[in-house]
């Protein structure tokens, strides 16, 4: 192994591992510099915590939109049922209507 003149055992082991990475994995010089500098970077203390979710007017608008969609679906279904009842749709009326149409197009005689 490579011997270093440093008395700090942690630094020696770090440099040894770094050199092994260079020789074994053939990393580039830029990758080595970035890897060695990452230990010395300090993170900022307390980051601002942003709330996750919907709050205030956005939540009210979403609830209003969902309520409007629900009311629209109910009115649509009610109108569909009403039209079916008013028009008297059934299998019997369709058979009568088709027989009347056939009678209208048949020549007299």
Protein backbone atom coordinates (compact mmCIF):
# COMPACT_ATOMS: atom_id res chain seq x y z
CA UNK A 1 0.00 0.00 0.00
CA UNK A 2 0.94 3.61 -0.28
CA UNK A 3 2.36 5.17 2.91
CA UNK A 4 1.62 8.79 3.79
CA UNK A 5 3.57 11.06 6.15
CA UNK A 6 0.39 12.24 7.88
CA UNK A 7 -0.30 11.28 11.46
CA UNK A 8 -4.05 11.53 11.03
CA UNK A 9 -5.30 7.99 10.48
CA UNK A 10 -8.67 9.14 9.03
CA UNK A 11 -6.97 11.26 6.40
CA UNK A 12 -4.64 8.38 5.49
CA UNK A 13 -7.51 5.94 5.05
CA UNK A 14 -9.48 8.50 3.02
CA UNK A 15 -6.57 9.18 0.69
CA UNK A 16 -5.89 5.48 0.34
CA UNK A 17 -9.50 4.81 -0.59
CA UNK A 18 -9.48 7.72 -3.01
CA UNK A 19 -6.38 6.45 -4.75
CA UNK A 20 -7.86 2.96 -4.93
CA UNK A 21 -10.94 4.40 -6.62
CA UNK A 22 -8.72 6.17 -9.12
CA UNK A 23 -6.72 3.05 -9.94
CA UNK A 24 -9.48 0.45 -9.76
CA UNK A 25 -12.41 2.30 -11.27
CA UNK A 26 -10.51 4.66 -13.56
CA UNK A 27 -12.51 7.76 -12.59
CA UNK A 28 -11.70 11.03 -14.24
CA UNK A 29 -9.92 13.92 -12.57
CA UNK A 30 -13.14 15.95 -12.40
CA UNK A 31 -14.96 13.12 -10.65
CA UNK A 32 -12.06 12.77 -8.17
CA UNK A 33 -12.08 16.48 -7.39
CA UNK A 34 -15.85 16.52 -6.91
CA UNK A 35 -15.69 13.44 -4.67
CA UNK A 36 -12.92 14.88 -2.52
CA UNK A 37 -14.62 18.28 -2.16
CA UNK A 38 -17.97 16.83 -1.15
CA UNK A 39 -16.69 16.10 2.37
CA UNK A 40 -15.85 19.73 3.05
CA UNK A 41 -19.17 21.21 1.96
CA UNK A 42 -21.34 22.53 4.77
CA UNK A 43 -25.10 22.29 4.55
CA UNK A 44 -27.16 25.30 5.50
CA UNK A 45 -28.77 25.12 8.92
CA UNK A 46 -32.56 25.27 8.73
CA UNK A 47 -34.19 25.28 5.36
CA UNK A 48 -37.62 26.82 4.94
CA UNK A 49 -40.29 24.14 5.12
CA UNK A 50 -42.96 24.60 2.49
CA UNK A 51 -46.39 23.12 3.20
CA UNK A 52 -47.52 20.34 0.92
CA UNK A 53 -51.17 20.34 -0.07
CA UNK A 54 -53.99 22.67 -0.97
CA UNK A 55 -54.79 25.55 1.34
CA UNK A 56 -57.03 28.60 1.23
CA UNK A 57 -58.79 29.65 -1.94
CA UNK A 58 -57.35 26.76 -3.99
CA UNK A 59 -59.02 24.20 -1.74
CA UNK A 60 -62.32 26.10 -1.84
CA UNK A 61 -62.21 26.31 -5.64
CA UNK A 62 -61.46 22.59 -5.91
CA UNK A 63 -64.37 21.72 -3.61
CA UNK A 64 -66.65 24.07 -5.56
CA UNK A 65 -65.61 22.46 -8.84
CA UNK A 66 -66.26 18.95 -7.46
CA UNK A 67 -69.67 20.02 -6.14
CA UNK A 68 -70.55 21.61 -9.50
CA UNK A 69 -69.48 18.42 -11.30
CA UNK A 70 -71.62 16.29 -8.97
CA UNK A 71 -74.69 18.51 -9.45
CA UNK A 72 -74.19 18.44 -13.23
CA UNK A 73 -74.05 14.63 -13.23
CA UNK A 74 -77.22 14.35 -11.13
CA UNK A 75 -79.13 16.80 -13.34
CA UNK A 76 -77.95 14.97 -16.46
CA UNK A 77 -79.11 11.62 -15.09
CA UNK A 78 -82.47 13.08 -13.98
CA UNK A 79 -83.08 14.65 -17.40
CA UNK A 80 -82.21 11.38 -19.13
CA UNK A 81 -84.70 9.43 -17.01
CA UNK A 82 -87.35 12.13 -17.54
CA UNK A 83 -86.91 12.08 -21.32
CA UNK A 84 -87.17 8.29 -21.38
CA UNK A 85 -90.41 8.42 -19.37
CA UNK A 86 -91.94 11.24 -21.43
CA UNK A 87 -91.13 9.64 -24.77
CA UNK A 88 -92.47 6.27 -23.58
CA UNK A 89 -89.49 4.33 -24.80
CA UNK A 90 -90.00 0.59 -24.55
CA UNK A 91 -89.65 -2.46 -26.77
CA UNK A 92 -93.39 -2.53 -27.47
CA UNK A 93 -93.55 1.05 -28.72
CA UNK A 94 -90.59 0.45 -31.00
CA UNK A 95 -92.29 -2.58 -32.53
CA UNK A 96 -95.52 -0.65 -33.05
CA UNK A 97 -93.67 2.26 -34.61
CA UNK A 98 -91.76 0.00 -36.99
CA UNK A 99 -94.95 -1.78 -38.06
CA UNK A 100 -96.64 1.60 -38.69
CA UNK A 101 -93.71 2.71 -40.82
CA UNK A 102 -93.89 -0.46 -42.84
CA UNK A 103 -97.61 0.03 -43.34
CA UNK A 104 -97.04 3.59 -44.52
CA UNK A 105 -94.61 2.51 -47.22
CA UNK A 106 -96.51 -0.45 -48.58
CA UNK A 107 -98.46 0.24 -51.73
CA UNK A 108 -102.23 0.10 -51.41
CA UNK A 109 -103.92 -2.82 -52.83
